[in-house]
Amino acid sequence: MRHRIPADLLLLATVLFWSFNFTVVKYALTHGWEPLSYSSVRFAIGAVLFSAVTYGREKTLRVERRHLWLLLLAAALGIFLNQVSFSYSVRLATAATVALVFGTLPIFVALVSQFLGLERLRLRHWIAAAISFLGVAFVAAGSSGGISGELGGILLALVACVTWAGYSVAMMPLMRRYSPYRISAFVLVAGAVPLLVTAAKQLVDQDWAGLSGLAWAAFVYSLFFSLVFTNVMWFTAIDRVGAARASLYANLQPFLGAFFALVVLSEEMGPLQIAGGFVIGAGILLARGGRPPPTID
């Protein structure tokens, strides 16, 4: 009998890799990489590799024509807009700040679902949303240089959260027809195309020869350990235990991301930012206490 890696170990490894990526991207963007060059090349290569993995697993990448518009919408939100906003948020703000702001992601998923009429939120979820956004205000107020110093990065981090939430919600009906692998393969390819087009000028102007070994190592890490390998591990684990259990690990990401940034990049956090992180966490816990999240197993 073939031994398999436990699903919980896959989930923990995935979240650790994703959490460390805030630090890795910040290092890359402050050591020679242009934001769009970094994201577009990473996702173009990742799309090819992940499509190959999916084809080897399922022997097809086919999707029905009637689902194309929803898949393209998911690609526009979850890849193109998300990566543009995420890359520039990390460039403008500290990695720890962006990581903490990403703690609002579960709240935005719930709000998008409410807006689209997919579910009705209870009073506790609206209170949880208000608490989480109060936490973001604390993080902004306590950022280095005051609110004005990182406001642009914080706002872009919120945009990244909104676009990823929209992508997550858009995927829900598609999950009934396709595997997460096939959906991800399609949206990675579809999202990488406009990313490459938008990044054309930066790709031409990028000083490729001037990139250090560590800058290239950061790119390789983001490509394999934060995109290709983690997608495979995440979807494998979800297939075994469902999204509800997986989401418990995902909630660790913003706080682990902030921890890595503080330790590796020697970033600093003031009392207000630390308090903001706890307030965001309280909002997440309150929102989760109202109902179990939907599963896709």
C-alpha atoms as a PDB file:
ATOM      1  CA  MET A   1       0.000   0.000   0.000  1.00  0.00           C
ATOM      2  CA  ARG A   2       1.395   3.381  -1.023  1.00  0.00           C
ATOM      3  CA  HIS A   3       1.985   5.788   1.855  1.00  0.00           C
ATOM      4  CA  ARG A   4       0.603   9.273   1.369  1.00  0.00           C
ATOM      5  CA  ILE A   5       1.653  12.494   3.023  1.00  0.00           C
ATOM      6  CA  PRO A   6      -1.021  13.416   5.622  1.00  0.00           C
ATOM      7  CA  ALA A   7      -3.384  16.129   4.441  1.00  0.00           C
ATOM      8  CA  ASP A   8      -2.727  18.274   7.518  1.00  0.00           C
ATOM      9  CA  LEU A   9       0.993  18.252   6.780  1.00  0.00           C
ATOM     10  CA  LEU A  10       0.295  19.331   3.195  1.00  0.00           C
ATOM     11  CA  LEU A  11      -1.920  22.160   4.449  1.00  0.00           C
ATOM     12  CA  LEU A  12       0.615  23.350   7.009  1.00  0.00           C
ATOM     13  CA  ALA A  13       3.446  23.299   4.449  1.00  0.00           C
ATOM     14  CA  THR A  14       1.319  25.196   1.944  1.00  0.00           C
ATOM     15  CA  VAL A  15       0.404  27.946   4.392  1.00  0.00           C
ATOM     16  CA  LEU A  16       4.023  28.273   5.533  1.00  0.00           C
ATOM     17  CA  PHE A  17       5.176  28.663   1.914  1.00  0.00           C
ATOM     18  CA  TRP A  18       2.442  31.209   1.173  1.00  0.00           C
ATOM     19  CA  SER A  19       3.193  33.137   4.356  1.00  0.00           C
ATOM     20  CA  PHE A  20       6.897  33.398   3.588  1.00  0.00           C
ATOM     21  CA  ASN A  21       6.083  34.676   0.093  1.00  0.00           C
ATOM     22  CA  PHE A  22       5.207  38.156   1.443  1.00  0.00           C
ATOM     23  CA  THR A  23       8.812  38.453   2.596  1.00  0.00           C
ATOM     24  CA  VAL A  24      10.226  36.945  -0.591  1.00  0.00           C
ATOM     25  CA  VAL A  25       8.281  39.274  -2.887  1.00  0.00           C
ATOM     26  CA  LYS A  26       9.252  42.312  -0.818  1.00  0.00           C
ATOM     27  CA  TYR A  27      12.919  41.341  -1.092  1.00  0.00           C
ATOM     28  CA  ALA A  28      12.651  40.773  -4.849  1.00  0.00           C
ATOM     29  CA  LEU A  29      10.925  44.104  -5.510  1.00  0.00           C
ATOM     30  CA  THR A  30      13.507  46.025  -3.481  1.00  0.00           C
ATOM     31  CA  HIS A  31      16.459  44.266  -5.137  1.00  0.00           C
ATOM     32  CA  GLY A  32      16.031  44.865  -8.832  1.00  0.00           C
ATOM     33  CA  TRP A  33      12.757  43.294  -9.929  1.00  0.00           C
ATOM     34  CA  GLU A  34      10.036  45.495 -11.416  1.00  0.00           C
ATOM     35  CA  PRO A  35       6.583  44.570 -10.028  1.00  0.00           C
ATOM     36  CA  LEU A  36       4.923  43.637 -13.305  1.00  0.00           C
ATOM     37  CA  SER A  37       8.013  41.893 -14.686  1.00  0.00           C
ATOM     38  CA  TYR A  38       8.133  39.727 -11.584  1.00  0.00           C
ATOM     39  CA  SER A  39       4.440  38.834 -11.596  1.00  0.00           C
ATOM     40  CA  SER A  40       3.986  38.349 -15.342  1.00  0.00           C
ATOM     41  CA  VAL A  41       6.985  36.074 -15.893  1.00  0.00           C
ATOM     42  CA  ARG A  42       6.194  34.125 -12.741  1.00  0.00           C
ATOM     43  CA  PHE A  43       2.591  33.486 -13.736  1.00  0.00           C
ATOM     44  CA  ALA A  44       3.395  32.778 -17.384  1.00  0.00           C
ATOM     45  CA  ILE A  45       5.848  30.037 -16.434  1.00  0.00           C
ATOM     46  CA  GLY A  46       3.577  28.849 -13.625  1.00  0.00           C
ATOM     47  CA  ALA A  47       0.624  28.588 -16.022  1.00  0.00           C
ATOM     48  CA  VAL A  48       2.590  26.321 -18.360  1.00  0.00           C
ATOM     49  CA  LEU A  49       3.870  24.118 -15.535  1.00  0.00           C
ATOM     50  CA  PHE A  50       0.529  23.828 -13.765  1.00  0.00           C
ATOM     51  CA  SER A  51      -1.280  23.095 -17.024  1.00  0.00           C
ATOM     52  CA  ALA A  52       1.190  20.273 -17.648  1.00  0.00           C
ATOM     53  CA  VAL A  53       0.521  18.879 -14.157  1.00  0.00           C
ATOM     54  CA  THR A  54      -3.235  19.099 -14.717  1.00  0.00           C
ATOM     55  CA  TYR A  55      -3.074  17.447 -18.128  1.00  0.00           C
ATOM     56  CA  GLY A  56      -0.941  14.634 -16.730  1.00  0.00           C
ATOM     57  CA  ARG A  57      -3.501  14.143 -13.973  1.00  0.00           C
ATOM     58  CA  GLU A  58      -6.750  14.484 -15.956  1.00  0.00           C
ATOM     59  CA  LYS A  59      -5.670  13.906 -19.604  1.00  0.00           C
ATOM     60  CA  THR A  60      -7.619  16.979 -20.683  1.00  0.00           C
ATOM     61  CA  LEU A  61      -7.849  20.725 -20.120  1.00  0.00           C
ATOM     62  CA  ARG A  62     -11.211  21.097 -21.876  1.00  0.00           C
ATOM     63  CA  VAL A  63     -13.923  23.375 -20.502  1.00  0.00           C
ATOM     64  CA  GLU A  64     -17.409  23.959 -21.888  1.00  0.00           C
ATOM     65  CA  ARG A  65     -18.050  27.082 -23.918  1.00  0.00           C
ATOM     66  CA  ARG A  66     -20.917  28.166 -21.653  1.00  0.00           C
ATOM     67  CA  HIS A  67     -18.492  28.438 -18.736  1.00  0.00           C
ATOM     68  CA  LEU A  68     -15.883  30.519 -20.551  1.00  0.00           C
ATOM     69  CA  TRP A  69     -17.219  33.908 -19.431  1.00  0.00           C
ATOM     70  CA  LEU A  70     -17.152  32.913 -15.761  1.00  0.00           C
ATOM     71  CA  LEU A  71     -13.660  31.445 -16.085  1.00  0.00           C
ATOM     72  CA  LEU A  72     -12.441  34.590 -17.821  1.00  0.00           C
ATOM     73  CA  LEU A  73     -13.979  36.712 -15.065  1.00  0.00           C
ATOM     74  CA  ALA A  74     -12.198  34.559 -12.477  1.00  0.00           C
ATOM     75  CA  ALA A  75      -8.931  35.017 -14.388  1.00  0.00           C
ATOM     76  CA  ALA A  76      -9.384  38.797 -14.575  1.00  0.00           C
ATOM     77  CA  LEU A  77     -10.067  39.051 -10.848  1.00  0.00           C
ATOM     78  CA  GLY A  78      -7.907  36.316  -9.345  1.00  0.00           C
ATOM     79  CA  ILE A  79      -4.836  36.618 -11.551  1.00  0.00           C
ATOM     80  CA  PHE A  80      -4.612  39.897 -13.463  1.00  0.00           C
ATOM     81  CA  LEU A  81      -6.118  42.491 -11.092  1.00  0.00           C
ATOM     82  CA  ASN A  82      -5.041  40.568  -8.012  1.00  0.00           C
ATOM     83  CA  GLN A  83      -1.398  40.345  -9.030  1.00  0.00           C
ATOM     84  CA  VAL A  84      -1.123  43.950 -10.179  1.00  0.00           C
ATOM     85  CA  SER A  85      -2.568  45.225  -6.889  1.00  0.00           C
ATOM     86  CA  PHE A  86      -0.623  42.721  -4.758  1.00  0.00           C
ATOM     87  CA  SER A  87       2.748  43.449  -6.371  1.00  0.00           C
ATOM     88  CA  TYR A  88       2.434  47.201  -5.951  1.00  0.00           C
ATOM     89  CA  SER A  89       1.034  46.879  -2.434  1.00  0.00           C
ATOM     90  CA  VAL A  90       4.159  44.990  -1.368  1.00  0.00           C
ATOM     91  CA  ARG A  91       6.351  47.543  -3.113  1.00  0.00           C
ATOM     92  CA  LEU A  92       4.682  50.502  -1.379  1.00  0.00           C
ATOM     93  CA  ALA A  93       4.082  49.037   2.093  1.00  0.00           C
ATOM     94  CA  THR A  94       6.041  46.708   4.350  1.00  0.00           C
ATOM     95  CA  ALA A  95       5.528  42.975   3.890  1.00  0.00           C
ATOM     96  CA  ALA A  96       4.256  42.710   7.487  1.00  0.00           C
ATOM     97  CA  THR A  97       1.606  45.359   6.856  1.00  0.00           C
ATOM     98  CA  VAL A  98       0.364  43.698   3.669  1.00  0.00           C
ATOM     99  CA  ALA A  99       0.291  40.304   5.375  1.00  0.00           C
ATOM    100  CA  LEU A 100      -1.855  41.643   8.213  1.00  0.00           C
ATOM    101  CA  VAL A 101      -4.256  43.352   5.813  1.00  0.00           C
ATOM    102  CA  PHE A 102      -4.701  39.992   4.070  1.00  0.00           C
ATOM    103  CA  GLY A 103      -6.346  38.817   7.263  1.00  0.00           C
ATOM    104  CA  THR A 104      -9.504  40.526   5.976  1.00  0.00           C
ATOM    105  CA  LEU A 105      -9.773  38.051   3.087  1.00  0.00           C
ATOM    106  CA  PRO A 106     -12.374  35.748   4.745  1.00  0.00           C
ATOM    107  CA  ILE A 107     -14.473  38.825   5.515  1.00  0.00           C
ATOM    108  CA  PHE A 108     -14.401  39.953   1.884  1.00  0.00           C
ATOM    109  CA  VAL A 109     -15.370  36.467   0.700  1.00  0.00           C
ATOM    110  CA  ALA A 110     -18.452  36.663   2.906  1.00  0.00           C
ATOM    111  CA  LEU A 111     -19.295  40.199   1.741  1.00  0.00           C
ATOM    112  CA  VAL A 112     -18.947  39.311  -1.950  1.00  0.00           C
ATOM    113  CA  SER A 113     -21.179  36.283  -1.417  1.00  0.00           C
ATOM    114  CA  GLN A 114     -23.752  38.546   0.239  1.00  0.00           C
ATOM    115  CA  PHE A 115     -23.544  41.104  -2.590  1.00  0.00           C
ATOM    116  CA  LEU A 116     -24.124  38.416  -5.236  1.00  0.00           C
ATOM    117  CA  GLY A 117     -27.019  36.932  -3.319  1.00  0.00           C
ATOM    118  CA  LEU A 118     -25.296  33.598  -2.719  1.00  0.00           C
ATOM    119  CA  GLU A 119     -25.845  33.790   1.034  1.00  0.00           C
ATOM    120  CA  ARG A 120     -27.331  36.056   3.657  1.00  0.00           C
ATOM    121  CA  LEU A 121     -25.037  37.247   6.392  1.00  0.00           C
ATOM    122  CA  ARG A 122     -26.145  37.396   9.996  1.00  0.00           C
ATOM    123  CA  LEU A 123     -25.625  40.362  12.278  1.00  0.00           C
ATOM    124  CA  ARG A 124     -22.498  38.783  13.773  1.00  0.00           C
ATOM    125  CA  HIS A 125     -20.858  38.725  10.328  1.00  0.00           C
ATOM    126  CA  TRP A 126     -21.496  42.429   9.779  1.00  0.00           C
ATOM    127  CA  ILE A 127     -20.037  43.108  13.223  1.00  0.00           C
ATOM    128  CA  ALA A 128     -17.064  40.882  12.336  1.00  0.00           C
ATOM    129  CA  ALA A 129     -16.530  42.883   9.133  1.00  0.00           C
ATOM    130  CA  ALA A 130     -16.595  46.167  11.064  1.00  0.00           C
ATOM    131  CA  ILE A 131     -14.126  44.799  13.623  1.00  0.00           C
ATOM    132  CA  SER A 132     -11.741  43.570  10.903  1.00  0.00           C
ATOM    133  CA  PHE A 133     -11.800  46.906   9.085  1.00  0.00           C
ATOM    134  CA  LEU A 134     -11.162  48.658  12.400  1.00  0.00           C
ATOM    135  CA  GLY A 135      -8.107  46.412  12.679  1.00  0.00           C
ATOM    136  CA  VAL A 136      -6.952  47.552   9.225  1.00  0.00           C
ATOM    137  CA  ALA A 137      -7.333  51.172  10.384  1.00  0.00           C
ATOM    138  CA  PHE A 138      -5.097  50.405  13.371  1.00  0.00           C
ATOM    139  CA  VAL A 139      -2.521  48.789  11.069  1.00  0.00           C
ATOM    140  CA  ALA A 140      -2.576  51.869   8.818  1.00  0.00           C
ATOM    141  CA  ALA A 141      -2.360  54.331  11.695  1.00  0.00           C
ATOM    142  CA  GLY A 142       0.572  52.462  13.202  1.00  0.00           C
ATOM    143  CA  SER A 143       2.543  52.045   9.973  1.00  0.00           C
ATOM    144  CA  SER A 144       5.960  53.584   9.593  1.00  0.00           C
ATOM    145  CA  GLY A 145       5.649  57.231   8.660  1.00  0.00           C
ATOM    146  CA  GLY A 146       2.003  57.330   9.720  1.00  0.00           C
ATOM    147  CA  ILE A 147      -1.041  56.680   7.580  1.00  0.00           C
ATOM    148  CA  SER A 148       0.298  58.649   4.616  1.00  0.00           C
ATOM    149  CA  GLY A 149       3.483  56.586   4.506  1.00  0.00           C
ATOM    150  CA  GLU A 150       1.861  53.311   3.488  1.00  0.00           C
ATOM    151  CA  LEU A 151      -1.720  54.262   2.661  1.00  0.00           C
ATOM    152  CA  GLY A 152      -1.327  53.465  -1.029  1.00  0.00           C
ATOM    153  CA  GLY A 153       0.087  50.032  -0.258  1.00  0.00           C
ATOM    154  CA  ILE A 154      -2.659  49.300   2.269  1.00  0.00           C
ATOM    155  CA  LEU A 155      -5.408  50.329  -0.156  1.00  0.00           C
ATOM    156  CA  LEU A 156      -3.886  48.152  -2.888  1.00  0.00           C
ATOM    157  CA  ALA A 157      -3.655  45.249  -0.430  1.00  0.00           C
ATOM    158  CA  LEU A 158      -7.378  45.662   0.204  1.00  0.00           C
ATOM    159  CA  VAL A 159      -7.979  45.638  -3.564  1.00  0.00           C
ATOM    160  CA  ALA A 160      -5.963  42.420  -3.754  1.00  0.00           C
ATOM    161  CA  CYS A 161      -8.173  40.917  -1.042  1.00  0.00           C
ATOM    162  CA  VAL A 162     -11.363  41.990  -2.831  1.00  0.00           C
ATOM    163  CA  THR A 163     -10.243  40.581  -6.186  1.00  0.00           C
ATOM    164  CA  TRP A 164      -9.169  37.282  -4.627  1.00  0.00           C
ATOM    165  CA  ALA A 165     -12.483  37.084  -2.790  1.00  0.00           C
ATOM    166  CA  GLY A 166     -14.321  37.642  -6.077  1.00  0.00           C
ATOM    167  CA  TYR A 167     -12.218  34.938  -7.687  1.00  0.00           C
ATOM    168  CA  SER A 168     -12.948  32.515  -4.849  1.00  0.00           C
ATOM    169  CA  VAL A 169     -16.693  33.114  -5.081  1.00  0.00           C
ATOM    170  CA  ALA A 170     -16.664  32.849  -8.891  1.00  0.00           C
ATOM    171  CA  MET A 171     -15.021  29.449  -8.610  1.00  0.00           C
ATOM    172  CA  MET A 172     -17.769  27.984  -6.411  1.00  0.00           C
ATOM    173  CA  PRO A 173     -20.287  27.110  -9.162  1.00  0.00           C
ATOM    174  CA  LEU A 174     -17.462  25.905 -11.410  1.00  0.00           C
ATOM    175  CA  MET A 175     -16.340  23.441  -8.729  1.00  0.00           C
ATOM    176  CA  ARG A 176     -19.508  21.430  -9.357  1.00  0.00           C
ATOM    177  CA  ARG A 177     -18.394  20.781 -12.938  1.00  0.00           C
ATOM    178  CA  TYR A 178     -14.583  20.836 -12.953  1.00  0.00           C
ATOM    179  CA  SER A 179     -11.751  19.902 -10.650  1.00  0.00           C
ATOM    180  CA  PRO A 180      -9.825  22.712  -8.900  1.00  0.00           C
ATOM    181  CA  TYR A 181      -6.817  21.672 -10.987  1.00  0.00           C
ATOM    182  CA  ARG A 182      -8.537  22.303 -14.318  1.00  0.00           C
ATOM    183  CA  ILE A 183     -10.042  25.590 -13.172  1.00  0.00           C
ATOM    184  CA  SER A 184      -6.679  26.825 -11.912  1.00  0.00           C
ATOM    185  CA  ALA A 185      -4.883  25.735 -15.095  1.00  0.00           C
ATOM    186  CA  PHE A 186      -7.358  27.706 -17.223  1.00  0.00           C
ATOM    187  CA  VAL A 187      -7.369  30.883 -15.121  1.00  0.00           C
ATOM    188  CA  LEU A 188      -3.579  30.875 -14.801  1.00  0.00           C
ATOM    189  CA  VAL A 189      -3.198  30.801 -18.574  1.00  0.00           C
ATOM    190  CA  ALA A 190      -6.011  33.305 -19.175  1.00  0.00           C
ATOM    191  CA  GLY A 191      -4.728  35.649 -16.471  1.00  0.00           C
ATOM    192  CA  ALA A 192      -1.084  35.458 -17.515  1.00  0.00           C
ATOM    193  CA  VAL A 193      -1.836  36.844 -20.998  1.00  0.00           C
ATOM    194  CA  PRO A 194      -3.055  40.334 -19.933  1.00  0.00           C
ATOM    195  CA  LEU A 195      -0.353  40.385 -17.258  1.00  0.00           C
ATOM    196  CA  LEU A 196       2.326  39.933 -19.925  1.00  0.00           C
ATOM    197  CA  VAL A 197       0.729  42.582 -22.153  1.00  0.00           C
ATOM    198  CA  THR A 198       0.503  45.090 -19.292  1.00  0.00           C
ATOM    199  CA  ALA A 199       4.083  44.321 -18.245  1.00  0.00           C
ATOM    200  CA  ALA A 200       5.516  44.791 -21.764  1.00  0.00           C
ATOM    201  CA  LYS A 201       7.305  48.055 -20.987  1.00  0.00           C
ATOM    202  CA  GLN A 202       8.720  46.820 -17.694  1.00  0.00           C
ATOM    203  CA  LEU A 203       9.845  43.577 -19.334  1.00  0.00           C
ATOM    204  CA  VAL A 204      11.792  45.599 -21.914  1.00  0.00           C
ATOM    205  CA  ASP A 205      13.221  48.009 -19.331  1.00  0.00           C
ATOM    206  CA  GLN A 206      14.001  45.306 -16.749  1.00  0.00           C
ATOM    207  CA  ASP A 207      17.730  45.087 -15.946  1.00  0.00           C
ATOM    208  CA  TRP A 208      17.960  41.312 -16.245  1.00  0.00           C
ATOM    209  CA  ALA A 209      21.740  41.217 -15.986  1.00  0.00           C
ATOM    210  CA  GLY A 210      21.700  43.340 -12.858  1.00  0.00           C
ATOM    211  CA  LEU A 211      19.571  40.909 -10.848  1.00  0.00           C
ATOM    212  CA  SER A 212      21.544  39.241  -8.060  1.00  0.00           C
ATOM    213  CA  GLY A 213      21.542  35.552  -7.275  1.00  0.00           C
ATOM    214  CA  LEU A 214      19.270  36.121  -4.275  1.00  0.00           C
ATOM    215  CA  ALA A 215      16.847  38.139  -6.408  1.00  0.00           C
ATOM    216  CA  TRP A 216      16.626  35.214  -8.825  1.00  0.00           C
ATOM    217  CA  ALA A 217      16.285  32.811  -5.895  1.00  0.00           C
ATOM    218  CA  ALA A 218      13.324  34.875  -4.668  1.00  0.00           C
ATOM    219  CA  PHE A 219      11.725  34.538  -8.096  1.00  0.00           C
ATOM    220  CA  VAL A 220      12.265  30.767  -8.153  1.00  0.00           C
ATOM    221  CA  TYR A 221      10.772  30.471  -4.677  1.00  0.00           C
ATOM    222  CA  SER A 222       7.664  32.465  -5.660  1.00  0.00           C
ATOM    223  CA  LEU A 223       7.286  30.431  -8.832  1.00  0.00           C
ATOM    224  CA  PHE A 224       7.610  26.940  -7.412  1.00  0.00           C
ATOM    225  CA  PHE A 225       7.004  27.109  -3.666  1.00  0.00           C
ATOM    226  CA  SER A 226       4.295  29.790  -3.678  1.00  0.00           C
ATOM    227  CA  LEU A 227       2.533  28.928  -6.939  1.00  0.00           C
ATOM    228  CA  VAL A 228       3.094  25.531  -8.561  1.00  0.00           C
ATOM    229  CA  PHE A 229       3.930  23.195  -5.653  1.00  0.00           C
ATOM    230  CA  THR A 230       1.540  24.866  -3.241  1.00  0.00           C
ATOM    231  CA  ASN A 231      -1.384  24.711  -5.666  1.00  0.00           C
ATOM    232  CA  VAL A 232      -0.809  20.984  -6.082  1.00  0.00           C
ATOM    233  CA  MET A 233      -0.519  20.430  -2.314  1.00  0.00           C
ATOM    234  CA  TRP A 234      -3.495  22.673  -1.487  1.00  0.00           C
ATOM    235  CA  PHE A 235      -5.892  21.047  -3.939  1.00  0.00           C
ATOM    236  CA  THR A 236      -4.696  17.560  -3.005  1.00  0.00           C
ATOM    237  CA  ALA A 237      -5.420  18.291   0.656  1.00  0.00           C
ATOM    238  CA  ILE A 238      -8.802  19.893  -0.092  1.00  0.00           C
ATOM    239  CA  ASP A 239      -9.743  16.824  -2.124  1.00  0.00           C
ATOM    240  CA  ARG A 240      -9.101  14.687   0.988  1.00  0.00           C
ATOM    241  CA  VAL A 241     -10.453  16.794   3.851  1.00  0.00           C
ATOM    242  CA  GLY A 242     -12.561  19.543   2.288  1.00  0.00           C
ATOM    243  CA  ALA A 243     -12.319  23.320   2.262  1.00  0.00           C
ATOM    244  CA  ALA A 244     -13.674  23.818   5.785  1.00  0.00           C
ATOM    245  CA  ARG A 245     -10.706  22.142   7.423  1.00  0.00           C
ATOM    246  CA  ALA A 246      -8.283  23.693   4.956  1.00  0.00           C
ATOM    247  CA  SER A 247      -9.518  27.200   5.719  1.00  0.00           C
ATOM    248  CA  LEU A 248      -8.491  26.792   9.359  1.00  0.00           C
ATOM    249  CA  TYR A 249      -4.867  26.692   8.213  1.00  0.00           C
ATOM    250  CA  ALA A 250      -5.355  29.543   5.731  1.00  0.00           C
ATOM    251  CA  ASN A 251      -6.318  31.866   8.596  1.00  0.00           C
ATOM    252  CA  LEU A 252      -2.754  31.544   9.898  1.00  0.00           C
ATOM    253  CA  GLN A 253      -1.294  33.091   6.748  1.00  0.00           C
ATOM    254  CA  PRO A 254      -1.460  36.828   7.562  1.00  0.00           C
ATOM    255  CA  PHE A 255       0.055  36.417  11.014  1.00  0.00           C
ATOM    256  CA  LEU A 256       2.785  34.028   9.895  1.00  0.00           C
ATOM    257  CA  GLY A 257       3.472  36.390   6.983  1.00  0.00           C
ATOM    258  CA  ALA A 258       3.945  39.296   9.370  1.00  0.00           C
ATOM    259  CA  PHE A 259       6.183  37.168  11.601  1.00  0.00           C
ATOM    260  CA  PHE A 260       8.482  36.172   8.715  1.00  0.00           C
ATOM    261  CA  ALA A 261       8.744  39.784   7.548  1.00  0.00           C
ATOM    262  CA  LEU A 262       9.702  40.963  11.016  1.00  0.00           C
ATOM    263  CA  VAL A 263      12.341  38.264  11.474  1.00  0.00           C
ATOM    264  CA  VAL A 264      13.871  38.057   7.980  1.00  0.00           C
ATOM    265  CA  LEU A 265      13.569  41.643   6.740  1.00  0.00           C
ATOM    266  CA  SER A 266      13.953  43.228  10.181  1.00  0.00           C
ATOM    267  CA  GLU A 267      10.796  45.236   9.616  1.00  0.00           C
ATOM    268  CA  GLU A 268       9.321  46.990  12.597  1.00  0.00           C
ATOM    269  CA  MET A 269       5.786  46.997  13.934  1.00  0.00           C
ATOM    270  CA  GLY A 270       4.412  49.538  16.346  1.00  0.00           C
ATOM    271  CA  PRO A 271       1.878  48.867  19.095  1.00  0.00           C
ATOM    272  CA  LEU A 272      -1.007  50.017  16.896  1.00  0.00           C
ATOM    273  CA  GLN A 273      -0.082  47.549  14.137  1.00  0.00           C
ATOM    274  CA  ILE A 274       0.215  44.702  16.613  1.00  0.00           C
ATOM    275  CA  ALA A 275      -3.149  45.660  18.092  1.00  0.00           C
ATOM    276  CA  GLY A 276      -4.580  45.862  14.572  1.00  0.00           C
ATOM    277  CA  GLY A 277      -3.419  42.317  13.848  1.00  0.00           C
ATOM    278  CA  PHE A 278      -5.207  41.035  16.939  1.00  0.00           C
ATOM    279  CA  VAL A 279      -8.357  42.998  16.076  1.00  0.00           C
ATOM    280  CA  ILE A 280      -8.391  41.534  12.539  1.00  0.00           C
ATOM    281  CA  GLY A 281      -7.948  38.087  14.057  1.00  0.00           C
ATOM    282  CA  ALA A 282     -10.858  38.702  16.417  1.00  0.00           C
ATOM    283  CA  GLY A 283     -13.024  39.609  13.436  1.00  0.00           C
ATOM    284  CA  ILE A 284     -12.084  36.370  11.673  1.00  0.00           C
ATOM    285  CA  LEU A 285     -12.903  34.295  14.763  1.00  0.00           C
ATOM    286  CA  LEU A 286     -16.250  36.029  15.203  1.00  0.00           C
ATOM    287  CA  ALA A 287     -17.162  35.460  11.549  1.00  0.00           C
ATOM    288  CA  ARG A 288     -16.179  31.781  11.701  1.00  0.00           C
ATOM    289  CA  GLY A 289     -18.235  31.233  14.823  1.00  0.00           C
ATOM    290  CA  GLY A 290     -21.501  31.982  13.061  1.00  0.00           C
ATOM    291  CA  ARG A 291     -21.560  29.088  10.620  1.00  0.00           C
ATOM    292  CA  PRO A 292     -19.238  26.470   9.166  1.00  0.00           C
ATOM    293  CA  PRO A 293     -17.702  27.559   5.851  1.00  0.00           C
ATOM    294  CA  PRO A 294     -18.934  25.779   2.710  1.00  0.00           C
ATOM    295  CA  THR A 295     -17.017  22.712   1.634  1.00  0.00           C
ATOM    296  CA  ILE A 296     -16.134  21.567  -1.853  1.00  0.00           C
ATOM    297  CA  ASP A 297     -15.245  17.979  -1.050  1.00  0.00           C
END
